[in-house]
Structures are given as C-alpha cells and as structure tokens.
C-alpha cells in the first residue's frame, strides 16, 4: 500500500485511514487494486484533495487554511486551534470543535488523542 501510494503522505492518510479497523483481507484487496492500477498518481491525489476541499463549506475551508499558520508535522493542542477560530471566526467553541472533528474525519487533519 505504501509503494502504491508512492510514499505520498496525503495518499497514505486518505487510503490508509479507512483501513485502520479493517481486517487483513481488506488491506490485501486495497494493495491488489493499487498494484493493478500501477499505484496512485499525483493528479489523482491532487483531484482527491481538491474534491475534499470543495465539499467543505466556506468557513470550513477557511479554518483548514488557517492550519498553514502552524509548523508542519507538529502537535498542536486542539484548545489552541479552537481558541484561534473563536477569536478570528464568528463561531463559538462548539462550532469550532465540530469543524475540527469534520476536518479530521475527512483526513485533512490528523487528530491524535493524547490521554
């Protein structure tokens, strides 16, 4: 699967994310499909990413773009993101939390439970 995704982090998140609670046969089926198609192509990744963004409401896209203000590959407390959005966007904490979770479900953000 990693080779089929050409080591592309976004492709690994999008293809691997839904597989994490699947059994070995489903993993193997995905690997076989990637092999048969010659792996994922850059234009497919770009198109998937673009589709993910266009399916978001405008405020959700803006919140996603806000994430570019943080260092890459660094853990950012959810509370910091929620505080930022409540201060810069016209939303309350619950609205910010819902957007954060939605971006995570769409594999646009990697959410980690630090308990």
PDB file of N, CA and C in Angstrom:
ATOM      1  N   UNK A   1       0.838  -1.192   0.000  1.00  0.00           N
ATOM      2  CA  UNK A   1       0.000   0.000   0.000  1.00  0.00           C
ATOM      3  C   UNK A   1       0.875   1.244   0.000  1.00  0.00           C
ATOM      4  N   UNK A   2       1.950   1.217   0.790  1.00  0.00           N
ATOM      5  CA  UNK A   2       2.859   2.368   0.839  1.00  0.00           C
ATOM      6  C   UNK A   2       3.478   2.606  -0.534  1.00  0.00           C
ATOM      7  N   UNK A   3       3.940   1.543  -1.179  1.00  0.00           N
ATOM      8  CA  UNK A   3       4.506   1.699  -2.531  1.00  0.00           C
ATOM      9  C   UNK A   3       3.438   2.171  -3.512  1.00  0.00           C
ATOM     10  N   UNK A   4       2.238   1.634  -3.397  1.00  0.00           N
ATOM     11  CA  UNK A   4       1.151   2.032  -4.292  1.00  0.00           C
ATOM     12  C   UNK A   4       0.772   3.494  -4.128  1.00  0.00           C
ATOM     13  N   UNK A   5       0.980   4.016  -2.920  1.00  0.00           N
ATOM     14  CA  UNK A   5       0.707   5.438  -2.656  1.00  0.00           C
ATOM     15  C   UNK A   5       1.914   6.305  -2.968  1.00  0.00           C
ATOM     16  N   UNK A   6       2.978   5.667  -3.449  1.00  0.00           N
ATOM     17  CA  UNK A   6       4.215   6.373  -3.831  1.00  0.00           C
ATOM     18  C   UNK A   6       4.774   7.229  -2.699  1.00  0.00           C
ATOM     19  N   UNK A   7       4.625   6.731  -1.473  1.00  0.00           N
ATOM     20  CA  UNK A   7       5.131   7.385  -0.258  1.00  0.00           C
ATOM     21  C   UNK A   7       4.513   8.762  -0.014  1.00  0.00           C
ATOM     22  N   UNK A   8       3.449   9.072  -0.706  1.00  0.00           N
ATOM     23  CA  UNK A   8       2.816  10.388  -0.571  1.00  0.00           C
ATOM     24  C   UNK A   8       1.988  10.416   0.724  1.00  0.00           C
ATOM     25  N   UNK A   9       2.328  11.316   1.668  1.00  0.00           N
ATOM     26  CA  UNK A   9       1.635  11.332   2.962  1.00  0.00           C
ATOM     27  C   UNK A   9       0.122  11.502   2.856  1.00  0.00           C
ATOM     28  N   UNK A  10      -0.339  12.378   1.982  1.00  0.00           N
ATOM     29  CA  UNK A  10      -1.783  12.589   1.854  1.00  0.00           C
ATOM     30  C   UNK A  10      -2.465  11.330   1.328  1.00  0.00           C
ATOM     31  N   UNK A  11      -1.858  10.688   0.336  1.00  0.00           N
ATOM     32  CA  UNK A  11      -2.436   9.454  -0.204  1.00  0.00           C
ATOM     33  C   UNK A  11      -2.480   8.375   0.868  1.00  0.00           C
ATOM     34  N   UNK A  12      -1.424   8.275   1.668  1.00  0.00           N
ATOM     35  CA  UNK A  12      -1.404   7.288   2.747  1.00  0.00           C
ATOM     36  C   UNK A  12      -2.512   7.552   3.762  1.00  0.00           C
ATOM     37  N   UNK A  13      -2.734   8.808   4.086  1.00  0.00           N
ATOM     38  CA  UNK A  13      -3.807   9.161   5.021  1.00  0.00           C
ATOM     39  C   UNK A  13      -5.172   8.827   4.435  1.00  0.00           C
ATOM     40  N   UNK A  14      -5.380   9.207   3.178  1.00  0.00           N
ATOM     41  CA  UNK A  14      -6.690   9.011   2.551  1.00  0.00           C
ATOM     42  C   UNK A  14      -6.982   7.526   2.338  1.00  0.00           C
ATOM     43  N   UNK A  15      -5.993   6.766   1.885  1.00  0.00           N
ATOM     44  CA  UNK A  15      -6.220   5.349   1.605  1.00  0.00           C
ATOM     45  C   UNK A  15      -6.074   4.512   2.873  1.00  0.00           C
ATOM     46  N   UNK A  16      -5.089   4.846   3.697  1.00  0.00           N
ATOM     47  CA  UNK A  16      -4.847   4.059   4.901  1.00  0.00           C
ATOM     48  C   UNK A  16      -5.802   4.348   6.041  1.00  0.00           C
ATOM     49  N   UNK A  17      -6.275   5.586   6.136  1.00  0.00           N
ATOM     50  CA  UNK A  17      -7.168   5.967   7.234  1.00  0.00           C
ATOM     51  C   UNK A  17      -8.365   5.050   7.389  1.00  0.00           C
ATOM     52  N   UNK A  18      -9.143   4.844   6.340  1.00  0.00           N
ATOM     53  CA  UNK A  18     -10.315   3.972   6.461  1.00  0.00           C
ATOM     54  C   UNK A  18      -9.969   2.499   6.705  1.00  0.00           C
ATOM     55  N   UNK A  19      -8.725   2.101   6.451  1.00  0.00           N
ATOM     56  CA  UNK A  19      -8.335   0.700   6.623  1.00  0.00           C
ATOM     57  C   UNK A  19      -7.942   0.357   8.055  1.00  0.00           C
ATOM     58  N   UNK A  20      -7.755   1.348   8.919  1.00  0.00           N
ATOM     59  CA  UNK A  20      -7.158   1.052  10.218  1.00  0.00           C
ATOM     60  C   UNK A  20      -7.947   0.070  11.073  1.00  0.00           C
ATOM     61  N   UNK A  21      -9.244  -0.042  10.894  1.00  0.00           N
ATOM     62  CA  UNK A  21     -10.024  -1.003  11.685  1.00  0.00           C
ATOM     63  C   UNK A  21     -10.538  -2.153  10.818  1.00  0.00           C
ATOM     64  N   UNK A  22      -9.892  -2.359   9.688  1.00  0.00           N
ATOM     65  CA  UNK A  22     -10.306  -3.412   8.753  1.00  0.00           C
ATOM     66  C   UNK A  22      -9.427  -4.645   8.928  1.00  0.00           C
ATOM     67  N   UNK A  23      -9.904  -5.765   8.422  1.00  0.00           N
ATOM     68  CA  UNK A  23      -9.127  -6.994   8.554  1.00  0.00           C
ATOM     69  C   UNK A  23      -8.101  -7.125   7.422  1.00  0.00           C
ATOM     70  N   UNK A  24      -7.291  -8.165   7.538  1.00  0.00           N
ATOM     71  CA  UNK A  24      -6.179  -8.361   6.609  1.00  0.00           C
ATOM     72  C   UNK A  24      -6.641  -8.503   5.155  1.00  0.00           C
ATOM     73  N   UNK A  25      -7.781  -9.135   4.936  1.00  0.00           N
ATOM     74  CA  UNK A  25      -8.270  -9.321   3.563  1.00  0.00           C
ATOM     75  C   UNK A  25      -8.595  -7.985   2.904  1.00  0.00           C
ATOM     76  N   UNK A  26      -9.151  -7.053   3.660  1.00  0.00           N
ATOM     77  CA  UNK A  26      -9.463  -5.741   3.092  1.00  0.00           C
ATOM     78  C   UNK A  26      -8.184  -4.967   2.773  1.00  0.00           C
ATOM     79  N   UNK A  27      -7.169  -5.113   3.630  1.00  0.00           N
ATOM     80  CA  UNK A  27      -5.872  -4.488   3.350  1.00  0.00           C
ATOM     81  C   UNK A  27      -5.293  -5.078   2.060  1.00  0.00           C
ATOM     82  N   UNK A  28      -5.349  -6.401   1.960  1.00  0.00           N
ATOM     83  CA  UNK A  28      -4.794  -7.078   0.785  1.00  0.00           C
ATOM     84  C   UNK A  28      -5.547  -6.678  -0.481  1.00  0.00           C
ATOM     85  N   UNK A  29      -6.862  -6.564  -0.399  1.00  0.00           N
ATOM     86  CA  UNK A  29      -7.663  -6.147  -1.551  1.00  0.00           C
ATOM     87  C   UNK A  29      -7.250  -4.749  -2.013  1.00  0.00           C
ATOM     88  N   UNK A  30      -7.054  -3.845  -1.072  1.00  0.00           N
ATOM     89  CA  UNK A  30      -6.617  -2.486  -1.419  1.00  0.00           C
ATOM     90  C   UNK A  30      -5.238  -2.515  -2.066  1.00  0.00           C
ATOM     91  N   UNK A  31      -4.322  -3.301  -1.494  1.00  0.00           N
ATOM     92  CA  UNK A  31      -2.973  -3.413  -2.061  1.00  0.00           C
ATOM     93  C   UNK A  31      -3.036  -3.973  -3.483  1.00  0.00           C
ATOM     94  N   UNK A  32      -3.871  -4.979  -3.699  1.00  0.00           N
ATOM     95  CA  UNK A  32      -4.002  -5.570  -5.039  1.00  0.00           C
ATOM     96  C   UNK A  32      -4.554  -4.567  -6.045  1.00  0.00           C
ATOM     97  N   UNK A  33      -5.545  -3.794  -5.644  1.00  0.00           N
ATOM     98  CA  UNK A  33      -6.110  -2.783  -6.554  1.00  0.00           C
ATOM     99  C   UNK A  33      -5.067  -1.734  -6.915  1.00  0.00           C
ATOM    100  N   UNK A  34      -4.260  -1.315  -5.938  1.00  0.00           N
ATOM    101  CA  UNK A  34      -3.203  -0.344  -6.225  1.00  0.00           C
ATOM    102  C   UNK A  34      -2.178  -0.936  -7.189  1.00  0.00           C
ATOM    103  N   UNK A  35      -1.853  -2.224  -7.007  1.00  0.00           N
ATOM    104  CA  UNK A  35      -0.905  -2.894  -7.902  1.00  0.00           C
ATOM    105  C   UNK A  35      -1.444  -2.959  -9.326  1.00  0.00           C
ATOM    106  N   UNK A  36      -2.716  -3.321  -9.450  1.00  0.00           N
ATOM    107  CA  UNK A  36      -3.334  -3.463 -10.774  1.00  0.00           C
ATOM    108  C   UNK A  36      -3.387  -2.138 -11.527  1.00  0.00           C
ATOM    109  N   UNK A  37      -3.561  -1.057 -10.800  1.00  0.00           N
ATOM    110  CA  UNK A  37      -3.678   0.252 -11.457  1.00  0.00           C
ATOM    111  C   UNK A  37      -2.340   0.965 -11.584  1.00  0.00           C
ATOM    112  N   UNK A  38      -1.277   0.332 -11.094  1.00  0.00           N
ATOM    113  CA  UNK A  38       0.037   0.965 -11.173  1.00  0.00           C
ATOM    114  C   UNK A  38       0.267   1.985 -10.067  1.00  0.00           C
ATOM    115  N   UNK A  39      -0.538   1.927  -9.044  1.00  0.00           N
ATOM    116  CA  UNK A  39      -0.373   2.857  -7.918  1.00  0.00           C
ATOM    117  C   UNK A  39      -1.129   4.150  -8.152  1.00  0.00           C
ATOM    118  N   UNK A  40      -1.139   4.931  -7.150  1.00  0.00           N
ATOM    119  CA  UNK A  40      -1.857   6.205  -7.207  1.00  0.00           C
ATOM    120  C   UNK A  40      -0.997   7.230  -7.938  1.00  0.00           C
ATOM    121  N   UNK A  41      -1.612   8.071  -8.722  1.00  0.00           N
ATOM    122  CA  UNK A  41      -0.877   9.078  -9.489  1.00  0.00           C
ATOM    123  C   UNK A  41      -1.043  10.446  -8.844  1.00  0.00           C
ATOM    124  N   UNK A  42      -0.070  11.303  -9.036  1.00  0.00           N
ATOM    125  CA  UNK A  42      -0.100  12.645  -8.444  1.00  0.00           C
ATOM    126  C   UNK A  42      -1.368  13.405  -8.806  1.00  0.00           C
ATOM    127  N   UNK A  43      -1.801  13.299 -10.071  1.00  0.00           N
ATOM    128  CA  UNK A  43      -3.002  14.045 -10.463  1.00  0.00           C
ATOM    129  C   UNK A  43      -4.243  13.524  -9.749  1.00  0.00           C
ATOM    130  N   UNK A  44      -4.267  12.224  -9.424  1.00  0.00           N
ATOM    131  CA  UNK A  44      -5.392  11.659  -8.678  1.00  0.00           C
ATOM    132  C   UNK A  44      -5.383  12.207  -7.256  1.00  0.00           C
ATOM    133  N   UNK A  45      -4.202  12.295  -6.653  1.00  0.00           N
ATOM    134  CA  UNK A  45      -4.080  12.846  -5.305  1.00  0.00           C
ATOM    135  C   UNK A  45      -4.555  14.291  -5.294  1.00  0.00           C
ATOM    136  N   UNK A  46      -4.095  15.059  -6.254  1.00  0.00           N
ATOM    137  CA  UNK A  46      -4.494  16.467  -6.336  1.00  0.00           C
ATOM    138  C   UNK A  46      -5.995  16.591  -6.515  1.00  0.00           C
ATOM    139  N   UNK A  47      -6.565  15.752  -7.366  1.00  0.00           N
ATOM    140  CA  UNK A  47      -8.010  15.800  -7.599  1.00  0.00           C
ATOM    141  C   UNK A  47      -8.786  15.414  -6.336  1.00  0.00           C
ATOM    142  N   UNK A  48      -8.329  14.380  -5.626  1.00  0.00           N
ATOM    143  CA  UNK A  48      -8.995  13.967  -4.382  1.00  0.00           C
ATOM    144  C   UNK A  48      -8.935  15.083  -3.350  1.00  0.00           C
ATOM    145  N   UNK A  49      -7.771  15.697  -3.224  1.00  0.00           N
ATOM    146  CA  UNK A  49      -7.600  16.785  -2.267  1.00  0.00           C
ATOM    147  C   UNK A  49      -8.507  17.955  -2.635  1.00  0.00           C
ATOM    148  N   UNK A  50      -8.536  18.299  -3.898  1.00  0.00           N
ATOM    149  CA  UNK A  50      -9.378  19.394  -4.373  1.00  0.00           C
ATOM    150  C   UNK A  50     -10.850  19.096  -4.108  1.00  0.00           C
ATOM    151  N   UNK A  51     -11.263  17.863  -4.375  1.00  0.00           N
ATOM    152  CA  UNK A  51     -12.649  17.461  -4.126  1.00  0.00           C
ATOM    153  C   UNK A  51     -12.977  17.560  -2.646  1.00  0.00           C
ATOM    154  N   UNK A  52     -12.058  17.118  -1.792  1.00  0.00           N
ATOM    155  CA  UNK A  52     -12.280  17.214  -0.345  1.00  0.00           C
ATOM    156  C   UNK A  52     -12.495  18.658   0.079  1.00  0.00           C
ATOM    157  N   UNK A  53     -11.702  19.557  -0.469  1.00  0.00           N
ATOM    158  CA  UNK A  53     -11.827  20.971  -0.099  1.00  0.00           C
ATOM    159  C   UNK A  53     -13.100  21.604  -0.643  1.00  0.00           C
ATOM    160  N   UNK A  54     -13.464  21.275  -1.875  1.00  0.00           N
ATOM    161  CA  UNK A  54     -14.652  21.905  -2.458  1.00  0.00           C
ATOM    162  C   UNK A  54     -15.936  21.415  -1.804  1.00  0.00           C
ATOM    163  N   UNK A  55     -15.898  20.266  -1.147  1.00  0.00           N
ATOM    164  CA  UNK A  55     -17.079  19.757  -0.456  1.00  0.00           C
ATOM    165  C   UNK A  55     -17.284  20.421   0.904  1.00  0.00           C
ATOM    166  N   UNK A  56     -16.311  21.189   1.339  1.00  0.00           N
ATOM    167  CA  UNK A  56     -16.434  21.899   2.612  1.00  0.00           C
ATOM    168  C   UNK A  56     -17.190  23.208   2.419  1.00  0.00           C
ATOM    169  N   UNK A  57     -17.851  23.639   3.477  1.00  0.00           N
ATOM    170  CA  UNK A  57     -18.456  24.970   3.451  1.00  0.00           C
ATOM    171  C   UNK A  57     -17.327  25.994   3.505  1.00  0.00           C
ATOM    172  N   UNK A  58     -17.593  27.216   3.095  1.00  0.00           N
ATOM    173  CA  UNK A  58     -16.553  28.243   3.018  1.00  0.00           C
ATOM    174  C   UNK A  58     -15.823  28.428   4.348  1.00  0.00           C
ATOM    175  N   UNK A  59     -16.546  28.511   5.454  1.00  0.00           N
ATOM    176  CA  UNK A  59     -15.899  28.724   6.750  1.00  0.00           C
ATOM    177  C   UNK A  59     -15.012  27.533   7.117  1.00  0.00           C
ATOM    178  N   UNK A  60     -15.423  26.317   6.728  1.00  0.00           N
ATOM    179  CA  UNK A  60     -14.607  25.133   6.997  1.00  0.00           C
ATOM    180  C   UNK A  60     -13.313  25.177   6.183  1.00  0.00           C
ATOM    181  N   UNK A  61     -13.405  25.597   4.918  1.00  0.00           N
ATOM    182  CA  UNK A  61     -12.199  25.751   4.082  1.00  0.00           C
ATOM    183  C   UNK A  61     -11.260  26.782   4.688  1.00  0.00           C
ATOM    184  N   UNK A  62     -11.822  27.904   5.142  1.00  0.00           N
ATOM    185  CA  UNK A  62     -11.000  28.950   5.748  1.00  0.00           C
ATOM    186  C   UNK A  62     -10.311  28.433   7.009  1.00  0.00           C
ATOM    187  N   UNK A  63     -11.031  27.665   7.804  1.00  0.00           N
ATOM    188  CA  UNK A  63     -10.435  27.085   9.013  1.00  0.00           C
ATOM    189  C   UNK A  63      -9.309  26.121   8.642  1.00  0.00           C
ATOM    190  N   UNK A  64      -9.527  25.313   7.607  1.00  0.00           N
ATOM    191  CA  UNK A  64      -8.475  24.408   7.152  1.00  0.00           C
ATOM    192  C   UNK A  64      -7.245  25.203   6.719  1.00  0.00           C
ATOM    193  N   UNK A  65      -7.454  26.253   5.968  1.00  0.00           N
ATOM    194  CA  UNK A  65      -6.330  27.072   5.501  1.00  0.00           C
ATOM    195  C   UNK A  65      -5.603  27.750   6.660  1.00  0.00           C
ATOM    196  N   UNK A  66      -6.316  28.042   7.754  1.00  0.00           N
ATOM    197  CA  UNK A  66      -5.676  28.606   8.947  1.00  0.00           C
ATOM    198  C   UNK A  66      -4.588  27.688   9.494  1.00  0.00           C
ATOM    199  N   UNK A  67      -4.721  26.395   9.250  1.00  0.00           N
ATOM    200  CA  UNK A  67      -3.755  25.434   9.787  1.00  0.00           C
ATOM    201  C   UNK A  67      -2.364  25.648   9.195  1.00  0.00           C
ATOM    202  N   UNK A  68      -2.286  26.326   8.062  1.00  0.00           N
ATOM    203  CA  UNK A  68      -0.994  26.635   7.454  1.00  0.00           C
ATOM    204  C   UNK A  68      -0.163  27.602   8.276  1.00  0.00           C
ATOM    205  N   UNK A  69      -0.769  28.232   9.277  1.00  0.00           N
ATOM    206  CA  UNK A  69      -0.016  29.161  10.125  1.00  0.00           C
ATOM    207  C   UNK A  69       0.763  28.435  11.224  1.00  0.00           C
ATOM    208  N   UNK A  70       0.558  27.129  11.347  1.00  0.00           N
ATOM    209  CA  UNK A  70       1.279  26.337  12.347  1.00  0.00           C
ATOM    210  C   UNK A  70       2.438  25.600  11.684  1.00  0.00           C
ATOM    211  N   UNK A  71       3.477  25.264  12.465  1.00  0.00           N
ATOM    212  CA  UNK A  71       4.602  24.497  11.901  1.00  0.00           C
ATOM    213  C   UNK A  71       4.132  23.123  11.403  1.00  0.00           C
ATOM    214  N   UNK A  72       4.729  22.670  10.323  1.00  0.00           N
ATOM    215  CA  UNK A  72       4.386  21.374   9.752  1.00  0.00           C
ATOM    216  C   UNK A  72       4.843  20.248  10.671  1.00  0.00           C
ATOM    217  N   UNK A  73       4.059  19.190  10.723  1.00  0.00           N
ATOM    218  CA  UNK A  73       4.382  17.975  11.489  1.00  0.00           C
ATOM    219  C   UNK A  73       4.613  18.233  12.971  1.00  0.00           C
ATOM    220  N   UNK A  74       3.907  19.190  13.534  1.00  0.00           N
ATOM    221  CA  UNK A  74       3.990  19.469  14.967  1.00  0.00           C
ATOM    222  C   UNK A  74       2.620  19.236  15.585  1.00  0.00           C
ATOM    223  N   UNK A  75       2.609  18.688  16.791  1.00  0.00           N
ATOM    224  CA  UNK A  75       1.349  18.513  17.516  1.00  0.00           C
ATOM    225  C   UNK A  75       0.873  19.884  17.991  1.00  0.00           C
ATOM    226  N   UNK A  76      -0.380  20.171  17.741  1.00  0.00           N
ATOM    227  CA  UNK A  76      -0.981  21.443  18.147  1.00  0.00           C
ATOM    228  C   UNK A  76      -2.178  21.102  19.019  1.00  0.00           C
ATOM    229  N   UNK A  77      -2.220  21.611  20.233  1.00  0.00           N
ATOM    230  CA  UNK A  77      -3.369  21.305  21.091  1.00  0.00           C
ATOM    231  C   UNK A  77      -4.677  21.771  20.445  1.00  0.00           C
ATOM    232  N   UNK A  78      -5.684  20.921  20.518  1.00  0.00           N
ATOM    233  CA  UNK A  78      -6.997  21.274  19.963  1.00  0.00           C
ATOM    234  C   UNK A  78      -7.497  22.572  20.578  1.00  0.00           C
ATOM    235  N   UNK A  79      -7.197  22.782  21.852  1.00  0.00           N
ATOM    236  CA  UNK A  79      -7.663  24.005  22.526  1.00  0.00           C
ATOM    237  C   UNK A  79      -7.088  25.257  21.863  1.00  0.00           C
ATOM    238  N   UNK A  80      -5.846  25.184  21.373  1.00  0.00           N
ATOM    239  CA  UNK A  80      -5.231  26.337  20.698  1.00  0.00           C
ATOM    240  C   UNK A  80      -5.942  26.629  19.378  1.00  0.00           C
ATOM    241  N   UNK A  81      -6.292  25.570  18.658  1.00  0.00           N
ATOM    242  CA  UNK A  81      -6.987  25.737  17.378  1.00  0.00           C
ATOM    243  C   UNK A  81      -8.387  26.304  17.614  1.00  0.00           C
ATOM    244  N   UNK A  82      -9.079  25.739  18.590  1.00  0.00           N
ATOM    245  CA  UNK A  82     -10.434  26.205  18.907  1.00  0.00           C
ATOM    246  C   UNK A  82     -10.400  27.656  19.367  1.00  0.00           C
ATOM    247  N   UNK A  83      -9.431  28.004  20.218  1.00  0.00           N
ATOM    248  CA  UNK A  83      -9.294  29.402  20.666  1.00  0.00           C
ATOM    249  C   UNK A  83      -9.055  30.334  19.479  1.00  0.00           C
ATOM    250  N   UNK A  84      -8.182  29.914  18.560  1.00  0.00           N
ATOM    251  CA  UNK A  84      -7.888  30.739  17.389  1.00  0.00           C
ATOM    252  C   UNK A  84      -9.156  30.977  16.569  1.00  0.00           C
ATOM    253  N   UNK A  85      -9.897  29.904  16.315  1.00  0.00           N
ATOM    254  CA  UNK A  85     -11.093  30.034  15.488  1.00  0.00           C
ATOM    255  C   UNK A  85     -12.188  30.843  16.171  1.00  0.00           C
ATOM    256  N   UNK A  86     -12.320  30.720  17.487  1.00  0.00           N
ATOM    257  CA  UNK A  86     -13.361  31.516  18.161  1.00  0.00           C
ATOM    258  C   UNK A  86     -12.996  32.996  18.175  1.00  0.00           C
ATOM    259  N   UNK A  87     -11.707  33.295  18.148  1.00  0.00           N
ATOM    260  CA  UNK A  87     -11.264  34.694  18.130  1.00  0.00           C
ATOM    261  C   UNK A  87     -11.283  35.299  16.726  1.00  0.00           C
ATOM    262  N   UNK A  88     -10.958  34.505  15.716  1.00  0.00           N
ATOM    263  CA  UNK A  88     -10.823  35.056  14.359  1.00  0.00           C
ATOM    264  C   UNK A  88     -12.029  34.787  13.459  1.00  0.00           C
ATOM    265  N   UNK A  89     -12.844  33.847  13.832  1.00  0.00           N
ATOM    266  CA  UNK A  89     -14.032  33.485  13.042  1.00  0.00           C
ATOM    267  C   UNK A  89     -15.267  33.759  13.899  1.00  0.00           C
ATOM    268  N   UNK A  90     -16.375  33.944  13.296  1.00  0.00           N
ATOM    269  CA  UNK A  90     -17.616  34.214  14.031  1.00  0.00           C
ATOM    270  C   UNK A  90     -18.256  32.888  14.444  1.00  0.00           C
ATOM    271  N   UNK A  91     -17.643  32.235  15.468  1.00  0.00           N
ATOM    272  CA  UNK A  91     -18.182  30.951  15.927  1.00  0.00           C
ATOM    273  C   UNK A  91     -17.895  30.761  17.406  1.00  0.00           C
ATOM    274  N   UNK A  92     -18.679  29.888  18.027  1.00  0.00           N
ATOM    275  CA  UNK A  92     -18.436  29.562  19.427  1.00  0.00           C
ATOM    276  C   UNK A  92     -17.562  28.305  19.505  1.00  0.00           C
ATOM    277  N   UNK A  93     -17.236  27.886  20.729  1.00  0.00           N
ATOM    278  CA  UNK A  93     -16.351  26.728  20.906  1.00  0.00           C
ATOM    279  C   UNK A  93     -16.943  25.458  20.306  1.00  0.00           C
ATOM    280  N   UNK A  94     -18.251  25.267  20.468  1.00  0.00           N
ATOM    281  CA  UNK A  94     -18.878  24.062  19.910  1.00  0.00           C
ATOM    282  C   UNK A  94     -18.756  24.029  18.391  1.00  0.00           C
ATOM    283  N   UNK A  95     -18.989  25.163  17.743  1.00  0.00           N
ATOM    284  CA  UNK A  95     -18.860  25.226  16.287  1.00  0.00           C
ATOM    285  C   UNK A  95     -17.441  24.931  15.838  1.00  0.00           C
ATOM    286  N   UNK A  96     -16.465  25.478  16.567  1.00  0.00           N
ATOM    287  CA  UNK A  96     -15.058  25.239  16.233  1.00  0.00           C
ATOM    288  C   UNK A  96     -14.704  23.764  16.416  1.00  0.00           C
ATOM    289  N   UNK A  97     -15.215  23.162  17.490  1.00  0.00           N
ATOM    290  CA  UNK A  97     -14.953  21.746  17.754  1.00  0.00           C
ATOM    291  C   UNK A  97     -15.523  20.877  16.628  1.00  0.00           C
ATOM    292  N   UNK A  98     -16.739  21.184  16.203  1.00  0.00           N
ATOM    293  CA  UNK A  98     -17.383  20.411  15.135  1.00  0.00           C
ATOM    294  C   UNK A  98     -16.566  20.498  13.844  1.00  0.00           C
ATOM    295  N   UNK A  99     -16.076  21.675  13.513  1.00  0.00           N
ATOM    296  CA  UNK A  99     -15.258  21.833  12.300  1.00  0.00           C
ATOM    297  C   UNK A  99     -13.947  21.060  12.439  1.00  0.00           C
ATOM    298  N   UNK A 100     -13.323  21.135  13.604  1.00  0.00           N
ATOM    299  CA  UNK A 100     -12.075  20.404  13.841  1.00  0.00           C
ATOM    300  C   UNK A 100     -12.284  18.906  13.621  1.00  0.00           C
ATOM    301  N   UNK A 101     -13.354  18.363  14.182  1.00  0.00           N
ATOM    302  CA  UNK A 101     -13.644  16.931  14.022  1.00  0.00           C
ATOM    303  C   UNK A 101     -13.962  16.587  12.556  1.00  0.00           C
ATOM    304  N   UNK A 102     -14.685  17.459  11.872  1.00  0.00           N
ATOM    305  CA  UNK A 102     -15.031  17.208  10.468  1.00  0.00           C
ATOM    306  C   UNK A 102     -13.776  17.161   9.606  1.00  0.00           C
ATOM    307  N   UNK A 103     -12.856  18.090   9.827  1.00  0.00           N
ATOM    308  CA  UNK A 103     -11.601  18.084   9.070  1.00  0.00           C
ATOM    309  C   UNK A 103     -10.812  16.812   9.356  1.00  0.00           C
ATOM    310  N   UNK A 104     -10.864  16.346  10.594  1.00  0.00           N
ATOM    311  CA  UNK A 104     -10.206  15.091  10.946  1.00  0.00           C
ATOM    312  C   UNK A 104     -10.849  13.891  10.268  1.00  0.00           C
ATOM    313  N   UNK A 105     -12.181  13.837  10.269  1.00  0.00           N
ATOM    314  CA  UNK A 105     -12.891  12.723   9.623  1.00  0.00           C
ATOM    315  C   UNK A 105     -12.600  12.659   8.129  1.00  0.00           C
ATOM    316  N   UNK A 106     -12.377  13.800   7.518  1.00  0.00           N
ATOM    317  CA  UNK A 106     -12.082  13.843   6.079  1.00  0.00           C
ATOM    318  C   UNK A 106     -10.590  13.657   5.796  1.00  0.00           C
ATOM    319  N   UNK A 107      -9.832  13.330   6.843  1.00  0.00           N
ATOM    320  CA  UNK A 107      -8.386  13.119   6.721  1.00  0.00           C
ATOM    321  C   UNK A 107      -7.645  14.344   6.218  1.00  0.00           C
ATOM    322  N   UNK A 108      -8.191  15.524   6.475  1.00  0.00           N
ATOM    323  CA  UNK A 108      -7.494  16.760   6.133  1.00  0.00           C
ATOM    324  C   UNK A 108      -6.603  17.198   7.288  1.00  0.00           C
ATOM    325  N   UNK A 109      -6.922  16.730   8.484  1.00  0.00           N
ATOM    326  CA  UNK A 109      -6.095  16.937   9.675  1.00  0.00           C
ATOM    327  C   UNK A 109      -5.922  15.591  10.352  1.00  0.00           C
ATOM    328  N   UNK A 110      -4.804  15.401  10.988  1.00  0.00           N
ATOM    329  CA  UNK A 110      -4.586  14.182  11.754  1.00  0.00           C
ATOM    330  C   UNK A 110      -4.819  14.518  13.221  1.00  0.00           C
ATOM    331  N   UNK A 111      -5.903  13.998  13.774  1.00  0.00           N
ATOM    332  CA  UNK A 111      -6.232  14.247  15.170  1.00  0.00           C
ATOM    333  C   UNK A 111      -5.679  13.105  16.011  1.00  0.00           C
ATOM    334  N   UNK A 112      -5.029  13.459  17.114  1.00  0.00           N
ATOM    335  CA  UNK A 112      -4.407  12.471  17.981  1.00  0.00           C
ATOM    336  C   UNK A 112      -4.947  12.651  19.388  1.00  0.00           C
ATOM    337  N   UNK A 113      -5.358  11.544  20.003  1.00  0.00           N
ATOM    338  CA  UNK A 113      -5.836  11.582  21.381  1.00  0.00           C
ATOM    339  C   UNK A 113      -4.629  11.430  22.303  1.00  0.00           C
ATOM    340  N   UNK A 114      -4.367  12.416  23.129  1.00  0.00           N
ATOM    341  CA  UNK A 114      -3.173  12.422  24.000  1.00  0.00           C
ATOM    342  C   UNK A 114      -3.486  11.997  25.430  1.00  0.00           C
ATOM    343  N   UNK A 115      -4.504  11.198  25.643  1.00  0.00           N
ATOM    344  CA  UNK A 115      -4.867  10.770  27.010  1.00  0.00           C
ATOM    345  C   UNK A 115      -3.887   9.776  27.559  1.00  0.00           C
TER     346      UNK A 115
END
